[in-house]
Amino acid sequence: MSLDAKHFIGTHTPKLDEKGRLFLPAKFRPRLVDGVVLMKGQERCIFGWTPEAYEGIANRMRELPFTHRDSRNFVRMVTAGTYEDVPDKQGRVLIPAQLREWASLDRDVTVIGVMDRFEIWDSQRWTEFVSEQEEPFADLSDEGGMPPLF
């Protein structure tokens, strides 16, 4: 089984059409035939999940203490900005206007695979993010608080 079949990986640069629809990267489509869940992500991008992966997140959110203000606010931000869609026969999903505004999406977008989810970024914002993160990424080490991976 290829990595693409198990994980969302890579960087892709599809375009949004005039109706706000995104052509999902071809390698992502087999995992998303049953639907996609789009939600506000940190750093003003959009997170994309399979329905099954989102259900795991929803279950964890249900366990958060509703008596804790930060928990309530987090759940509100996530669920109020979450949408479901099923890709059409051309592999397109609609990015609702609220999410396009959140992520400042126009026509040029970058879609990155992030293991169990994918992220949709304004291409300019993604380029700036990568530029800002190149030096900190190079400096990451086991001593700096990152758990060892290799």
N, C-alpha and C. Protein backbone atom coordinates (compact mmCIF):
# COMPACT_ATOMS: atom_id res chain seq x y z
N MET A 1 0.85 -1.17 0.00
CA MET A 1 0.00 0.00 0.00
C MET A 1 0.90 1.24 0.00
N SER A 2 0.62 2.18 -0.87
CA SER A 2 1.44 3.39 -0.96
C SER A 2 1.14 4.33 0.20
N LEU A 3 2.06 5.24 0.45
CA LEU A 3 1.85 6.24 1.49
C LEU A 3 0.62 7.09 1.20
N ASP A 4 0.40 7.40 -0.09
CA ASP A 4 -0.74 8.23 -0.46
C ASP A 4 -2.06 7.59 -0.04
N ALA A 5 -2.13 6.28 -0.03
CA ALA A 5 -3.37 5.59 0.32
C ALA A 5 -3.64 5.65 1.82
N LYS A 6 -2.60 5.86 2.62
CA LYS A 6 -2.74 5.87 4.08
C LYS A 6 -2.67 7.26 4.68
N HIS A 7 -1.98 8.18 4.01
CA HIS A 7 -1.74 9.52 4.56
C HIS A 7 -1.93 10.57 3.48
N PHE A 8 -2.34 11.75 3.92
CA PHE A 8 -2.32 12.91 3.02
C PHE A 8 -0.91 13.47 3.09
N ILE A 9 -0.21 13.50 1.96
CA ILE A 9 1.16 14.02 1.92
C ILE A 9 1.34 14.86 0.66
N GLY A 10 2.37 15.69 0.67
CA GLY A 10 2.73 16.46 -0.51
C GLY A 10 2.14 17.86 -0.52
N THR A 11 2.56 18.62 -1.52
CA THR A 11 2.11 20.00 -1.74
C THR A 11 1.50 20.07 -3.13
N HIS A 12 0.32 20.65 -3.21
CA HIS A 12 -0.43 20.72 -4.46
C HIS A 12 -0.93 22.14 -4.65
N THR A 13 -1.06 22.58 -5.89
CA THR A 13 -1.49 23.95 -6.17
C THR A 13 -2.67 24.00 -7.13
N PRO A 14 -3.82 23.48 -6.70
CA PRO A 14 -5.02 23.60 -7.54
C PRO A 14 -5.54 25.04 -7.49
N LYS A 15 -6.52 25.34 -8.27
CA LYS A 15 -7.16 26.66 -8.28
C LYS A 15 -8.59 26.52 -7.79
N LEU A 16 -9.09 27.58 -7.17
CA LEU A 16 -10.52 27.65 -6.88
C LEU A 16 -11.21 28.15 -8.14
N ASP A 17 -12.37 27.58 -8.45
CA ASP A 17 -13.10 28.10 -9.60
C ASP A 17 -13.95 29.30 -9.17
N GLU A 18 -14.67 29.88 -10.12
CA GLU A 18 -15.44 31.10 -9.86
C GLU A 18 -16.55 30.90 -8.84
N LYS A 19 -16.96 29.65 -8.58
CA LYS A 19 -18.00 29.37 -7.59
C LYS A 19 -17.43 29.00 -6.22
N GLY A 20 -16.09 29.05 -6.09
CA GLY A 20 -15.47 28.71 -4.82
C GLY A 20 -15.25 27.23 -4.62
N ARG A 21 -15.24 26.48 -5.72
CA ARG A 21 -15.01 25.04 -5.62
C ARG A 21 -13.53 24.74 -5.80
N LEU A 22 -13.07 23.76 -5.05
CA LEU A 22 -11.68 23.33 -5.09
C LEU A 22 -11.60 21.98 -5.77
N PHE A 23 -10.71 21.87 -6.74
CA PHE A 23 -10.39 20.57 -7.32
C PHE A 23 -9.45 19.87 -6.34
N LEU A 24 -9.94 18.84 -5.69
CA LEU A 24 -9.10 18.11 -4.74
C LEU A 24 -7.92 17.48 -5.48
N PRO A 25 -6.75 17.46 -4.86
CA PRO A 25 -5.62 16.77 -5.50
C PRO A 25 -6.02 15.32 -5.83
N ALA A 26 -5.65 14.87 -7.01
CA ALA A 26 -6.04 13.54 -7.47
C ALA A 26 -5.64 12.45 -6.49
N LYS A 27 -4.48 12.58 -5.86
CA LYS A 27 -4.03 11.55 -4.93
C LYS A 27 -4.86 11.51 -3.64
N PHE A 28 -5.57 12.60 -3.33
CA PHE A 28 -6.40 12.64 -2.13
C PHE A 28 -7.80 12.07 -2.37
N ARG A 29 -8.25 12.10 -3.60
CA ARG A 29 -9.64 11.77 -3.91
C ARG A 29 -10.09 10.39 -3.47
N PRO A 30 -9.27 9.33 -3.62
CA PRO A 30 -9.76 8.01 -3.19
C PRO A 30 -10.15 7.97 -1.71
N ARG A 31 -9.48 8.74 -0.88
CA ARG A 31 -9.80 8.73 0.56
C ARG A 31 -11.01 9.59 0.87
N LEU A 32 -11.46 10.39 -0.09
CA LEU A 32 -12.52 11.36 0.19
C LEU A 32 -13.81 11.09 -0.58
N VAL A 33 -13.94 9.91 -1.19
CA VAL A 33 -15.15 9.62 -1.98
C VAL A 33 -16.41 9.64 -1.13
N ASP A 34 -16.30 9.33 0.15
CA ASP A 34 -17.47 9.33 1.03
C ASP A 34 -17.77 10.70 1.61
N GLY A 35 -16.89 11.65 1.36
CA GLY A 35 -17.13 13.00 1.85
C GLY A 35 -15.88 13.61 2.43
N VAL A 36 -16.00 14.89 2.71
CA VAL A 36 -14.91 15.65 3.31
C VAL A 36 -15.53 16.60 4.33
N VAL A 37 -14.81 16.80 5.42
CA VAL A 37 -15.23 17.75 6.45
C VAL A 37 -14.20 18.86 6.45
N LEU A 38 -14.66 20.09 6.24
CA LEU A 38 -13.79 21.26 6.21
C LEU A 38 -14.07 22.11 7.43
N MET A 39 -13.00 22.60 8.06
CA MET A 39 -13.17 23.40 9.26
C MET A 39 -12.08 24.45 9.37
N LYS A 40 -12.35 25.48 10.15
CA LYS A 40 -11.34 26.49 10.41
C LYS A 40 -10.14 25.84 11.07
N GLY A 41 -8.96 26.19 10.57
CA GLY A 41 -7.74 25.69 11.17
C GLY A 41 -6.92 26.83 11.75
N GLN A 42 -5.96 26.49 12.57
CA GLN A 42 -5.07 27.51 13.09
C GLN A 42 -4.25 28.10 11.94
N GLU A 43 -3.64 29.25 12.18
CA GLU A 43 -2.87 29.98 11.19
C GLU A 43 -3.72 30.40 9.99
N ARG A 44 -5.03 30.46 10.19
CA ARG A 44 -5.95 30.93 9.14
C ARG A 44 -5.91 30.10 7.87
N CYS A 45 -5.79 28.79 8.04
CA CYS A 45 -5.95 27.89 6.90
C CYS A 45 -7.23 27.10 7.15
N ILE A 46 -7.54 26.19 6.24
CA ILE A 46 -8.70 25.32 6.39
C ILE A 46 -8.19 23.89 6.54
N PHE A 47 -8.69 23.19 7.53
CA PHE A 47 -8.36 21.79 7.71
C PHE A 47 -9.39 20.95 6.96
N GLY A 48 -8.93 19.89 6.30
CA GLY A 48 -9.81 18.96 5.62
C GLY A 48 -9.60 17.56 6.20
N TRP A 49 -10.69 16.89 6.51
CA TRP A 49 -10.66 15.58 7.15
C TRP A 49 -11.57 14.62 6.41
N THR A 50 -11.28 13.34 6.51
CA THR A 50 -12.27 12.35 6.13
C THR A 50 -13.36 12.39 7.20
N PRO A 51 -14.59 11.97 6.88
CA PRO A 51 -15.62 11.94 7.92
C PRO A 51 -15.22 11.10 9.13
N GLU A 52 -14.52 9.99 8.89
CA GLU A 52 -14.10 9.12 10.00
C GLU A 52 -13.10 9.83 10.91
N ALA A 53 -12.13 10.52 10.30
CA ALA A 53 -11.14 11.24 11.11
C ALA A 53 -11.80 12.37 11.90
N TYR A 54 -12.74 13.07 11.27
CA TYR A 54 -13.43 14.15 11.97
C TYR A 54 -14.24 13.59 13.14
N GLU A 55 -14.83 12.43 12.97
CA GLU A 55 -15.60 11.83 14.06
C GLU A 55 -14.72 11.61 15.28
N GLY A 56 -13.45 11.22 15.06
CA GLY A 56 -12.52 11.08 16.19
C GLY A 56 -12.29 12.41 16.89
N ILE A 57 -12.18 13.48 16.12
CA ILE A 57 -12.01 14.81 16.71
C ILE A 57 -13.26 15.20 17.48
N ALA A 58 -14.42 14.96 16.88
CA ALA A 58 -15.68 15.29 17.55
C ALA A 58 -15.80 14.54 18.88
N ASN A 59 -15.40 13.28 18.89
CA ASN A 59 -15.46 12.51 20.14
C ASN A 59 -14.55 13.11 21.19
N ARG A 60 -13.37 13.55 20.79
CA ARG A 60 -12.46 14.19 21.76
C ARG A 60 -13.02 15.53 22.25
N MET A 61 -13.67 16.27 21.35
CA MET A 61 -14.27 17.54 21.78
C MET A 61 -15.41 17.31 22.77
N ARG A 62 -16.16 16.22 22.58
CA ARG A 62 -17.25 15.91 23.51
C ARG A 62 -16.73 15.65 24.92
N GLU A 63 -15.48 15.22 25.02
CA GLU A 63 -14.90 14.92 26.33
C GLU A 63 -14.35 16.17 27.03
N LEU A 64 -14.25 17.28 26.31
CA LEU A 64 -13.75 18.50 26.94
C LEU A 64 -14.77 18.99 27.97
N PRO A 65 -14.29 19.54 29.08
CA PRO A 65 -15.22 20.01 30.11
C PRO A 65 -15.95 21.29 29.66
N PHE A 66 -17.27 21.21 29.53
CA PHE A 66 -18.02 22.37 29.08
C PHE A 66 -18.02 23.49 30.12
N THR A 67 -17.59 23.17 31.34
CA THR A 67 -17.51 24.20 32.38
C THR A 67 -16.24 25.03 32.27
N HIS A 68 -15.35 24.66 31.35
CA HIS A 68 -14.09 25.37 31.15
C HIS A 68 -14.24 26.31 29.95
N ARG A 69 -14.06 27.62 30.17
CA ARG A 69 -14.28 28.62 29.13
C ARG A 69 -13.47 28.35 27.88
N ASP A 70 -12.17 28.03 28.00
CA ASP A 70 -11.35 27.78 26.81
C ASP A 70 -11.87 26.59 26.01
N SER A 71 -12.35 25.57 26.72
CA SER A 71 -12.93 24.41 26.02
C SER A 71 -14.18 24.81 25.25
N ARG A 72 -15.06 25.56 25.88
CA ARG A 72 -16.28 26.01 25.20
C ARG A 72 -15.94 26.85 23.97
N ASN A 73 -15.00 27.78 24.16
CA ASN A 73 -14.64 28.65 23.04
C ASN A 73 -14.01 27.88 21.90
N PHE A 74 -13.17 26.91 22.21
CA PHE A 74 -12.55 26.09 21.18
C PHE A 74 -13.61 25.32 20.39
N VAL A 75 -14.52 24.66 21.11
CA VAL A 75 -15.56 23.87 20.45
C VAL A 75 -16.45 24.77 19.61
N ARG A 76 -16.76 25.95 20.10
CA ARG A 76 -17.57 26.89 19.32
C ARG A 76 -16.88 27.27 18.02
N MET A 77 -15.61 27.64 18.12
CA MET A 77 -14.87 28.06 16.93
C MET A 77 -14.80 26.93 15.91
N VAL A 78 -14.56 25.72 16.39
CA VAL A 78 -14.43 24.59 15.47
C VAL A 78 -15.77 24.25 14.83
N THR A 79 -16.79 24.04 15.64
CA THR A 79 -18.05 23.54 15.09
C THR A 79 -18.81 24.59 14.30
N ALA A 80 -18.72 25.85 14.70
CA ALA A 80 -19.42 26.90 13.94
C ALA A 80 -18.80 27.10 12.56
N GLY A 81 -17.55 26.73 12.40
CA GLY A 81 -16.88 26.89 11.12
C GLY A 81 -16.59 25.57 10.44
N THR A 82 -17.45 24.58 10.63
CA THR A 82 -17.24 23.26 10.04
C THR A 82 -18.36 22.97 9.04
N TYR A 83 -17.95 22.44 7.89
CA TYR A 83 -18.90 22.12 6.81
C TYR A 83 -18.57 20.75 6.24
N GLU A 84 -19.61 20.08 5.78
CA GLU A 84 -19.44 18.78 5.12
C GLU A 84 -19.79 18.93 3.64
N ASP A 85 -19.12 18.16 2.82
CA ASP A 85 -19.45 18.12 1.40
C ASP A 85 -19.03 16.76 0.87
N VAL A 86 -19.56 16.40 -0.26
CA VAL A 86 -19.16 15.19 -0.98
C VAL A 86 -18.61 15.65 -2.32
N PRO A 87 -17.40 15.21 -2.67
CA PRO A 87 -16.85 15.63 -3.96
C PRO A 87 -17.76 15.24 -5.12
N ASP A 88 -17.85 16.14 -6.11
CA ASP A 88 -18.63 15.82 -7.30
C ASP A 88 -17.82 14.88 -8.19
N LYS A 89 -18.37 14.53 -9.33
CA LYS A 89 -17.71 13.56 -10.21
C LYS A 89 -16.37 14.05 -10.75
N GLN A 90 -16.14 15.37 -10.71
CA GLN A 90 -14.86 15.93 -11.15
C GLN A 90 -13.87 16.09 -10.01
N GLY A 91 -14.25 15.67 -8.80
CA GLY A 91 -13.36 15.77 -7.65
C GLY A 91 -13.33 17.14 -7.02
N ARG A 92 -14.42 17.90 -7.17
CA ARG A 92 -14.49 19.25 -6.60
C ARG A 92 -15.34 19.26 -5.34
N VAL A 93 -14.94 20.11 -4.40
CA VAL A 93 -15.76 20.39 -3.22
C VAL A 93 -15.92 21.89 -3.10
N LEU A 94 -17.06 22.30 -2.60
CA LEU A 94 -17.32 23.72 -2.39
C LEU A 94 -16.66 24.17 -1.09
N ILE A 95 -15.89 25.23 -1.17
CA ILE A 95 -15.36 25.87 0.03
C ILE A 95 -16.35 26.99 0.36
N PRO A 96 -17.13 26.86 1.43
CA PRO A 96 -18.13 27.89 1.74
C PRO A 96 -17.49 29.27 1.92
N ALA A 97 -18.27 30.29 1.61
CA ALA A 97 -17.78 31.67 1.67
C ALA A 97 -17.16 31.98 3.03
N GLN A 98 -17.78 31.52 4.11
CA GLN A 98 -17.26 31.80 5.45
C GLN A 98 -15.83 31.27 5.61
N LEU A 99 -15.58 30.08 5.10
CA LEU A 99 -14.24 29.51 5.21
C LEU A 99 -13.27 30.20 4.25
N ARG A 100 -13.75 30.55 3.05
CA ARG A 100 -12.87 31.27 2.12
C ARG A 100 -12.44 32.59 2.72
N GLU A 101 -13.37 33.29 3.37
CA GLU A 101 -13.03 34.55 4.03
C GLU A 101 -12.05 34.32 5.18
N TRP A 102 -12.29 33.30 6.01
CA TRP A 102 -11.42 32.97 7.14
C TRP A 102 -9.98 32.80 6.69
N ALA A 103 -9.79 32.08 5.60
CA ALA A 103 -8.45 31.74 5.12
C ALA A 103 -7.95 32.69 4.04
N SER A 104 -8.71 33.75 3.76
CA SER A 104 -8.35 34.73 2.72
C SER A 104 -8.08 34.05 1.37
N LEU A 105 -8.93 33.10 1.01
CA LEU A 105 -8.74 32.38 -0.24
C LEU A 105 -9.36 33.15 -1.39
N ASP A 106 -8.61 33.22 -2.47
CA ASP A 106 -9.11 33.80 -3.70
C ASP A 106 -9.08 32.71 -4.75
N ARG A 107 -8.20 32.78 -5.69
CA ARG A 107 -8.12 31.75 -6.73
C ARG A 107 -6.94 30.82 -6.51
N ASP A 108 -5.78 31.39 -6.17
CA ASP A 108 -4.56 30.60 -6.02
C ASP A 108 -4.47 30.04 -4.61
N VAL A 109 -4.54 28.72 -4.51
CA VAL A 109 -4.47 28.06 -3.21
C VAL A 109 -3.38 27.00 -3.25
N THR A 110 -2.92 26.67 -2.05
CA THR A 110 -1.97 25.57 -1.88
C THR A 110 -2.60 24.58 -0.92
N VAL A 111 -2.59 23.33 -1.32
CA VAL A 111 -3.14 22.25 -0.49
C VAL A 111 -1.97 21.38 -0.08
N ILE A 112 -1.80 21.22 1.23
CA ILE A 112 -0.70 20.39 1.73
C ILE A 112 -1.27 19.20 2.49
N GLY A 113 -0.61 18.08 2.34
CA GLY A 113 -0.98 16.90 3.11
C GLY A 113 -0.29 16.94 4.45
N VAL A 114 -1.04 16.66 5.51
CA VAL A 114 -0.50 16.70 6.87
C VAL A 114 -0.93 15.41 7.59
N MET A 115 -0.53 14.28 7.00
CA MET A 115 -0.78 12.95 7.54
C MET A 115 -2.27 12.59 7.53
N ASP A 116 -3.00 12.84 8.64
CA ASP A 116 -4.40 12.43 8.71
C ASP A 116 -5.37 13.51 8.27
N ARG A 117 -4.84 14.65 7.87
CA ARG A 117 -5.68 15.74 7.36
C ARG A 117 -4.92 16.43 6.23
N PHE A 118 -5.61 17.31 5.54
CA PHE A 118 -4.95 18.19 4.60
C PHE A 118 -5.32 19.61 4.97
N GLU A 119 -4.52 20.56 4.52
CA GLU A 119 -4.77 21.96 4.81
C GLU A 119 -4.84 22.73 3.50
N ILE A 120 -5.74 23.72 3.47
CA ILE A 120 -5.92 24.57 2.31
C ILE A 120 -5.48 25.97 2.72
N TRP A 121 -4.50 26.50 2.02
CA TRP A 121 -3.90 27.80 2.33
C TRP A 121 -4.02 28.74 1.13
N ASP A 122 -4.14 30.01 1.40
CA ASP A 122 -3.89 31.01 0.38
C ASP A 122 -2.43 30.82 -0.03
N SER A 123 -2.13 30.76 -1.32
CA SER A 123 -0.77 30.43 -1.76
C SER A 123 0.26 31.43 -1.26
N GLN A 124 -0.06 32.71 -1.25
CA GLN A 124 0.89 33.71 -0.77
C GLN A 124 1.15 33.51 0.73
N ARG A 125 0.10 33.27 1.49
CA ARG A 125 0.25 33.05 2.93
C ARG A 125 1.09 31.79 3.19
N TRP A 126 0.89 30.73 2.40
CA TRP A 126 1.68 29.51 2.56
C TRP A 126 3.16 29.80 2.28
N THR A 127 3.45 30.53 1.22
CA THR A 127 4.84 30.87 0.89
C THR A 127 5.48 31.65 2.03
N GLU A 128 4.76 32.59 2.60
CA GLU A 128 5.28 33.36 3.74
C GLU A 128 5.50 32.46 4.95
N PHE A 129 4.55 31.56 5.23
CA PHE A 129 4.68 30.65 6.36
C PHE A 129 5.93 29.79 6.21
N VAL A 130 6.12 29.21 5.04
CA VAL A 130 7.29 28.35 4.81
C VAL A 130 8.57 29.15 5.01
N SER A 131 8.61 30.35 4.48
CA SER A 131 9.80 31.20 4.62
C SER A 131 10.09 31.48 6.09
N GLU A 132 9.05 31.77 6.87
CA GLU A 132 9.22 32.04 8.30
C GLU A 132 9.66 30.80 9.07
N GLN A 133 9.27 29.62 8.61
CA GLN A 133 9.54 28.39 9.35
C GLN A 133 10.82 27.67 8.93
N GLU A 134 11.46 28.09 7.86
CA GLU A 134 12.64 27.37 7.39
C GLU A 134 13.76 27.33 8.43
N GLU A 135 14.08 28.47 9.03
CA GLU A 135 15.15 28.49 10.02
C GLU A 135 14.77 27.74 11.29
N PRO A 136 13.57 28.00 11.87
CA PRO A 136 13.20 27.21 13.06
C PRO A 136 13.16 25.71 12.78
N PHE A 137 12.73 25.31 11.58
CA PHE A 137 12.70 23.89 11.22
C PHE A 137 14.11 23.31 11.21
N ALA A 138 15.04 24.04 10.65
CA ALA A 138 16.43 23.57 10.60
C ALA A 138 17.02 23.44 12.00
N ASP A 139 16.53 24.25 12.93
CA ASP A 139 17.07 24.25 14.29
C ASP A 139 16.38 23.26 15.23
N LEU A 140 15.32 22.60 14.78
CA LEU A 140 14.63 21.65 15.65
C LEU A 140 15.57 20.51 16.03
N SER A 141 15.50 20.13 17.28
CA SER A 141 16.32 19.02 17.75
C SER A 141 15.62 18.35 18.92
N ASP A 142 16.12 17.19 19.28
CA ASP A 142 15.58 16.48 20.42
C ASP A 142 15.71 17.33 21.70
N GLU A 143 16.79 18.11 21.79
CA GLU A 143 17.01 18.92 22.98
C GLU A 143 16.05 20.10 23.06
N GLY A 144 15.47 20.50 21.94
CA GLY A 144 14.62 21.68 21.89
C GLY A 144 13.17 21.42 22.22
N GLY A 145 12.84 20.26 22.74
CA GLY A 145 11.47 19.97 23.13
C GLY A 145 10.72 19.11 22.15
N MET A 146 11.27 18.86 20.98
CA MET A 146 10.63 17.96 20.02
C MET A 146 10.93 16.53 20.42
N PRO A 147 9.94 15.67 20.39
CA PRO A 147 10.22 14.26 20.67
C PRO A 147 11.06 13.69 19.54
N PRO A 148 11.96 12.76 19.85
CA PRO A 148 12.77 12.18 18.79
C PRO A 148 11.91 11.39 17.79
N LEU A 149 12.17 11.60 16.52
CA LEU A 149 11.43 10.90 15.47
C LEU A 149 12.27 9.80 14.82
N PHE A 150 13.55 9.97 14.80
CA PHE A 150 14.41 9.02 14.08
C PHE A 150 15.34 8.31 15.06
